[in-house]
């Protein structure tokens, strides 16, 4: 099950950050990549578009299909899936990476932000998965990998940012349901979450700027962990809530310094752990 050559991965939110890092990692292994994200035109504060990500994938010898997708829109989702089938002939891997974040207490959470997080994180994950399942059933090693945390009922995670916690845990409950429902079809459904904060635009812009970036790891650790999971037997590896570092330790990796933005700094633990 170890090869991804000529497989096709549909990755939401893959124009930048962790999604793009996973896309590049899988492309290096010969996997076709569907860059499914909203950003078609350059954003003033966020680097990367679906086209620039596709170009990076092609520069390393991969095949990429950039598709504009707002995962709140079922018609756009279906159009992206249809284009994927027309271009690559199937879907073997779905990465539910797209997510919205707002670490606000109840009184500071606007309805617009609440709706955005739940429409993207929970509803979007559900709808994209739904649209891909019929095609995943045709793969000989089908995987759904959702970037969401293990369910931790510690009240501190609810008290700090209730709306965001509810939305991310909604993604995690999707993993539980998928793993149970789709097991008989041979489709694996797992979650992946980082042990530490990951240096992305969200960390830079929303969670404390450069100080937290310097205490974070690079997105490549999530990409390497994702690759490890996606090359496992889908009939035997499902229903897991993986942590990036633990996955790589299982693979025999003991030195993680090269993943750190600044190896001299103490790493910051990610949320929900």
Protein backbone atom coordinates (compact mmCIF):
# COMPACT_ATOMS: atom_id res chain seq x y z
CA UNK A 1 0.00 0.00 0.00
CA UNK A 2 3.07 2.22 0.24
CA UNK A 3 2.97 3.97 -3.13
CA UNK A 4 0.98 7.05 -4.09
CA UNK A 5 2.17 7.09 -7.70
CA UNK A 6 -0.69 7.94 -10.07
CA UNK A 7 -3.14 8.25 -7.18
CA UNK A 8 -5.28 11.39 -6.96
CA UNK A 9 -5.67 13.56 -3.86
CA UNK A 10 -8.41 16.17 -3.49
CA UNK A 11 -7.14 18.69 -0.93
CA UNK A 12 -9.30 21.54 0.37
CA UNK A 13 -7.63 24.78 1.41
CA UNK A 14 -4.41 23.80 -0.33
CA UNK A 15 -3.39 27.17 -1.78
CA UNK A 16 -1.20 27.83 1.29
CA UNK A 17 -0.10 26.58 4.70
CA UNK A 18 -0.51 22.99 5.84
CA UNK A 19 -2.72 22.09 2.89
CA UNK A 20 -0.09 23.19 0.38
CA UNK A 21 2.68 21.43 2.31
CA UNK A 22 0.72 18.17 2.16
CA UNK A 23 0.05 18.73 -1.54
CA UNK A 24 3.75 19.18 -2.29
CA UNK A 25 4.71 16.13 -0.20
CA UNK A 26 2.23 13.88 -1.99
CA UNK A 27 3.16 15.31 -5.39
CA UNK A 28 6.79 14.33 -4.78
CA UNK A 29 5.56 10.75 -4.56
CA UNK A 30 3.80 10.94 -7.92
CA UNK A 31 0.32 11.74 -6.61
CA UNK A 32 -1.98 13.92 -8.73
CA UNK A 33 -3.16 16.93 -6.71
CA UNK A 34 -6.44 18.81 -6.87
CA UNK A 35 -5.81 22.26 -5.38
CA UNK A 36 -9.35 23.00 -4.17
CA UNK A 37 -9.48 26.42 -2.51
CA UNK A 38 -11.15 29.83 -2.70
CA UNK A 39 -8.17 32.03 -3.55
CA UNK A 40 -7.95 32.62 -7.29
CA UNK A 41 -6.59 36.17 -7.03
CA UNK A 42 -3.71 37.27 -4.77
CA UNK A 43 -4.81 38.25 -1.26
CA UNK A 44 -3.32 41.45 0.22
CA UNK A 45 -2.37 39.74 3.51
CA UNK A 46 -2.11 36.05 2.61
CA UNK A 47 0.41 34.66 0.15
CA UNK A 48 -0.62 32.02 -2.37
CA UNK A 49 -3.41 31.21 -4.82
CA UNK A 50 -4.64 27.96 -6.31
CA UNK A 51 -2.60 28.77 -9.41
CA UNK A 52 0.67 29.55 -7.60
CA UNK A 53 0.28 26.35 -5.56
CA UNK A 54 -0.35 24.34 -8.73
CA UNK A 55 2.72 25.91 -10.31
CA UNK A 56 4.88 24.86 -7.34
CA UNK A 57 3.54 21.31 -7.63
CA UNK A 58 4.32 21.19 -11.35
CA UNK A 59 7.81 22.61 -10.75
CA UNK A 60 8.68 19.49 -8.74
CA UNK A 61 7.31 17.23 -11.46
CA UNK A 62 3.80 16.74 -10.13
CA UNK A 63 0.43 17.07 -11.84
CA UNK A 64 -2.00 19.63 -10.44
CA UNK A 65 -5.55 20.73 -11.12
CA UNK A 66 -6.36 24.15 -9.59
CA UNK A 67 -10.09 24.56 -8.95
CA UNK A 68 -11.89 27.46 -7.30
CA UNK A 69 -13.99 25.97 -4.50
CA UNK A 70 -15.84 27.60 -1.65
CA UNK A 71 -16.78 24.51 0.37
CA UNK A 72 -19.87 26.29 1.68
CA UNK A 73 -21.30 25.93 -1.84
CA UNK A 74 -22.46 22.41 -2.78
CA UNK A 75 -22.61 23.27 -6.49
CA UNK A 76 -18.97 24.42 -6.52
CA UNK A 77 -17.95 21.28 -4.63
CA UNK A 78 -19.67 19.04 -7.17
CA UNK A 79 -18.15 20.98 -10.05
CA UNK A 80 -14.67 20.49 -8.57
CA UNK A 81 -15.27 16.77 -8.12
CA UNK A 82 -16.57 16.47 -11.69
CA UNK A 83 -13.48 18.28 -13.01
CA UNK A 84 -11.28 15.94 -10.97
CA UNK A 85 -12.87 12.84 -12.48
CA UNK A 86 -12.67 14.29 -15.98
CA UNK A 87 -8.97 15.18 -15.54
CA UNK A 88 -7.58 12.32 -13.45
CA UNK A 89 -10.23 9.59 -13.67
CA UNK A 90 -10.87 9.10 -9.97
CA UNK A 91 -10.26 10.13 -6.36
CA UNK A 92 -8.16 8.03 -3.99
CA UNK A 93 -7.53 10.53 -1.18
CA UNK A 94 -9.53 13.36 0.35
CA UNK A 95 -7.83 15.81 2.70
CA UNK A 96 -10.32 17.93 4.64
CA UNK A 97 -7.95 20.76 5.48
CA UNK A 98 -9.97 23.94 4.85
CA UNK A 99 -10.91 25.59 8.12
CA UNK A 100 -11.88 28.94 9.64
CA UNK A 101 -10.70 30.14 13.04
CA UNK A 102 -11.69 32.80 15.56
CA UNK A 103 -10.47 32.35 19.13
CA UNK A 104 -13.07 34.60 20.69
CA UNK A 105 -15.19 34.25 23.83
CA UNK A 106 -18.97 34.11 23.45
CA UNK A 107 -19.70 37.82 23.76
CA UNK A 108 -17.03 38.74 21.21
CA UNK A 109 -18.09 36.17 18.61
CA UNK A 110 -20.20 37.74 15.90
CA UNK A 111 -22.94 35.77 14.18
CA UNK A 112 -21.06 36.16 10.89
CA UNK A 113 -17.91 34.58 12.36
CA UNK A 114 -19.86 31.85 14.13
CA UNK A 115 -21.64 30.95 10.90
CA UNK A 116 -18.40 31.03 8.90
CA UNK A 117 -16.65 28.54 11.21
CA UNK A 118 -19.56 26.14 11.27
CA UNK A 119 -20.28 26.42 7.54
CA UNK A 120 -16.66 25.72 6.59
CA UNK A 121 -15.39 23.47 9.37
CA UNK A 122 -18.41 21.21 9.95
CA UNK A 123 -20.81 21.61 7.04
CA UNK A 124 -18.07 21.99 4.44
CA UNK A 125 -16.18 18.92 5.64
CA UNK A 126 -19.41 16.92 5.56
CA UNK A 127 -20.39 18.08 2.06
CA UNK A 128 -16.96 17.60 0.45
CA UNK A 129 -16.72 14.12 1.95
CA UNK A 130 -20.22 13.29 0.73
CA UNK A 131 -19.35 14.37 -2.82
CA UNK A 132 -16.18 12.24 -2.90
CA UNK A 133 -17.41 9.00 -1.33
CA UNK A 134 -18.78 7.38 -4.49
CA UNK A 135 -15.40 7.85 -6.18
CA UNK A 136 -13.37 6.81 -3.12
CA UNK A 137 -15.29 3.52 -3.12
CA UNK A 138 -13.65 2.70 -6.47
CA UNK A 139 -10.11 3.11 -5.12
CA UNK A 140 -8.11 0.14 -3.85
CA UNK A 141 -6.73 2.13 -0.91
CA UNK A 142 -9.06 5.05 -0.21
CA UNK A 143 -8.40 7.53 2.58
CA UNK A 144 -10.22 10.50 4.07
CA UNK A 145 -7.90 12.51 6.31
CA UNK A 146 -9.42 15.38 8.28
CA UNK A 147 -7.32 17.97 10.07
CA UNK A 148 -9.14 18.08 13.38
CA UNK A 149 -8.24 17.38 17.01
CA UNK A 150 -8.93 14.43 19.29
CA UNK A 151 -12.13 15.04 21.25
CA UNK A 152 -11.11 16.47 24.61
CA UNK A 153 -14.01 17.34 26.90
CA UNK A 154 -11.88 19.45 29.22
CA UNK A 155 -14.09 22.51 29.91
CA UNK A 156 -11.13 24.88 29.37
CA UNK A 157 -11.30 24.33 25.61
CA UNK A 158 -14.98 25.26 25.56
CA UNK A 159 -14.63 28.18 27.93
CA UNK A 160 -11.79 29.80 25.98
CA UNK A 161 -13.38 29.87 22.50
CA UNK A 162 -16.69 28.03 22.42
CA UNK A 163 -17.68 28.61 18.79
CA UNK A 164 -14.33 27.50 17.37
CA UNK A 165 -14.13 24.46 19.66
CA UNK A 166 -17.64 23.35 18.65
CA UNK A 167 -16.75 23.66 14.97
CA UNK A 168 -13.47 21.72 15.19
CA UNK A 169 -15.05 19.02 17.34
CA UNK A 170 -17.80 18.82 14.74
CA UNK A 171 -15.11 17.92 12.21
CA UNK A 172 -13.80 15.28 14.61
CA UNK A 173 -17.26 13.77 15.05
CA UNK A 174 -17.43 13.56 11.25
CA UNK A 175 -14.32 11.36 11.38
CA UNK A 176 -15.95 9.02 13.91
CA UNK A 177 -19.10 8.70 11.81
CA UNK A 178 -17.23 8.20 8.54
CA UNK A 179 -14.91 5.55 9.95
CA UNK A 180 -17.90 3.56 11.18
CA UNK A 181 -20.12 4.00 8.12
CA UNK A 182 -17.44 3.58 5.45
CA UNK A 183 -15.38 0.77 6.96
CA UNK A 184 -17.30 -1.89 5.04
CA UNK A 185 -16.44 -0.03 1.80
CA UNK A 186 -12.73 -0.14 2.63
CA UNK A 187 -12.48 3.64 3.01
CA UNK A 188 -10.29 4.82 5.88
CA UNK A 189 -11.33 7.92 7.82
CA UNK A 190 -8.77 9.38 10.20
CA UNK A 191 -7.89 12.70 11.81
CA UNK A 192 -4.51 14.40 12.08
CA UNK A 193 -3.55 17.19 14.49
CA UNK A 194 -0.23 18.83 15.37
CA UNK A 195 1.42 18.45 18.75
CA UNK A 196 2.79 21.99 18.49
CA UNK A 197 1.65 25.16 16.82
CA UNK A 198 2.47 25.19 13.10
CA UNK A 199 3.97 28.24 11.39
CA UNK A 200 1.15 29.33 9.08
CA UNK A 201 -0.55 32.60 8.21
CA UNK A 202 -3.22 31.84 10.82
CA UNK A 203 -0.57 31.66 13.53
CA UNK A 204 1.15 34.79 12.24
CA UNK A 205 -1.98 36.90 11.87
CA UNK A 206 -4.40 35.58 14.49
CA UNK A 207 -2.53 33.95 17.34
CA UNK A 208 0.28 36.27 18.34
CA UNK A 209 2.55 37.10 15.44
CA UNK A 210 6.22 36.30 15.06
CA UNK A 211 6.78 35.28 18.69
CA UNK A 212 4.50 32.26 18.31
CA UNK A 213 5.86 31.52 14.82
CA UNK A 214 9.34 31.27 16.34
CA UNK A 215 7.99 28.74 18.86
CA UNK A 216 6.31 26.65 16.15
CA UNK A 217 7.16 23.86 13.76
CA UNK A 218 7.06 24.07 9.97
CA UNK A 219 4.06 22.66 8.06
CA UNK A 220 6.31 19.94 6.64
CA UNK A 221 5.92 17.87 9.82
CA UNK A 222 2.19 17.61 9.15
CA UNK A 223 2.90 16.77 5.52
CA UNK A 224 5.27 13.93 6.44
CA UNK A 225 2.79 12.57 8.98
CA UNK A 226 -0.03 12.74 6.43
CA UNK A 227 2.07 10.84 3.89
CA UNK A 228 2.73 8.11 6.45
CA UNK A 229 -0.98 7.70 7.21
CA UNK A 230 -2.08 7.77 3.57
CA UNK A 231 0.27 4.96 2.59
CA UNK A 232 -1.21 2.60 5.20
CA UNK A 233 -3.80 -0.07 4.44
CA UNK A 234 -7.17 1.69 4.45
CA UNK A 235 -8.93 -1.51 5.55
CA UNK A 236 -6.83 -1.70 8.71
CA UNK A 237 -6.13 1.95 9.54
CA UNK A 238 -9.32 3.85 10.30
CA UNK A 239 -10.99 5.74 13.13
CA UNK A 240 -7.74 7.12 14.53
CA UNK A 241 -6.97 10.55 15.92
CA UNK A 242 -3.33 10.87 14.99
CA UNK A 243 -0.84 13.41 16.38
CA UNK A 244 1.89 14.35 13.89
CA UNK A 245 4.89 13.69 16.13
CA UNK A 246 3.52 10.34 17.33
CA UNK A 247 2.99 9.16 13.75
CA UNK A 248 6.61 9.91 12.87
CA UNK A 249 7.94 8.31 16.06
CA UNK A 250 6.11 5.13 14.99
CA UNK A 251 8.06 5.40 11.72
CA UNK A 252 11.35 5.49 13.63
CA UNK A 253 12.01 9.24 13.50
CA UNK A 254 13.61 10.57 16.68
CA UNK A 255 15.11 13.92 15.66
CA UNK A 256 12.53 16.67 15.09
CA UNK A 257 14.85 19.69 15.19
CA UNK A 258 14.72 20.25 11.44
CA UNK A 259 10.96 20.81 11.68
CA UNK A 260 11.34 23.69 14.15
CA UNK A 261 11.26 27.27 12.87
CA UNK A 262 13.84 28.07 15.55
CA UNK A 263 15.35 24.94 17.14
CA UNK A 264 16.65 27.01 20.07
CA UNK A 265 13.16 28.00 21.21
CA UNK A 266 10.79 26.04 23.44
CA UNK A 267 7.91 24.79 21.31
CA UNK A 268 4.34 25.87 22.01
CA UNK A 269 1.74 23.11 22.35
CA UNK A 270 -1.21 23.33 20.01
CA UNK A 271 -4.80 23.74 21.14
CA UNK A 272 -6.84 20.80 22.49
CA UNK A 273 -3.82 18.80 23.68
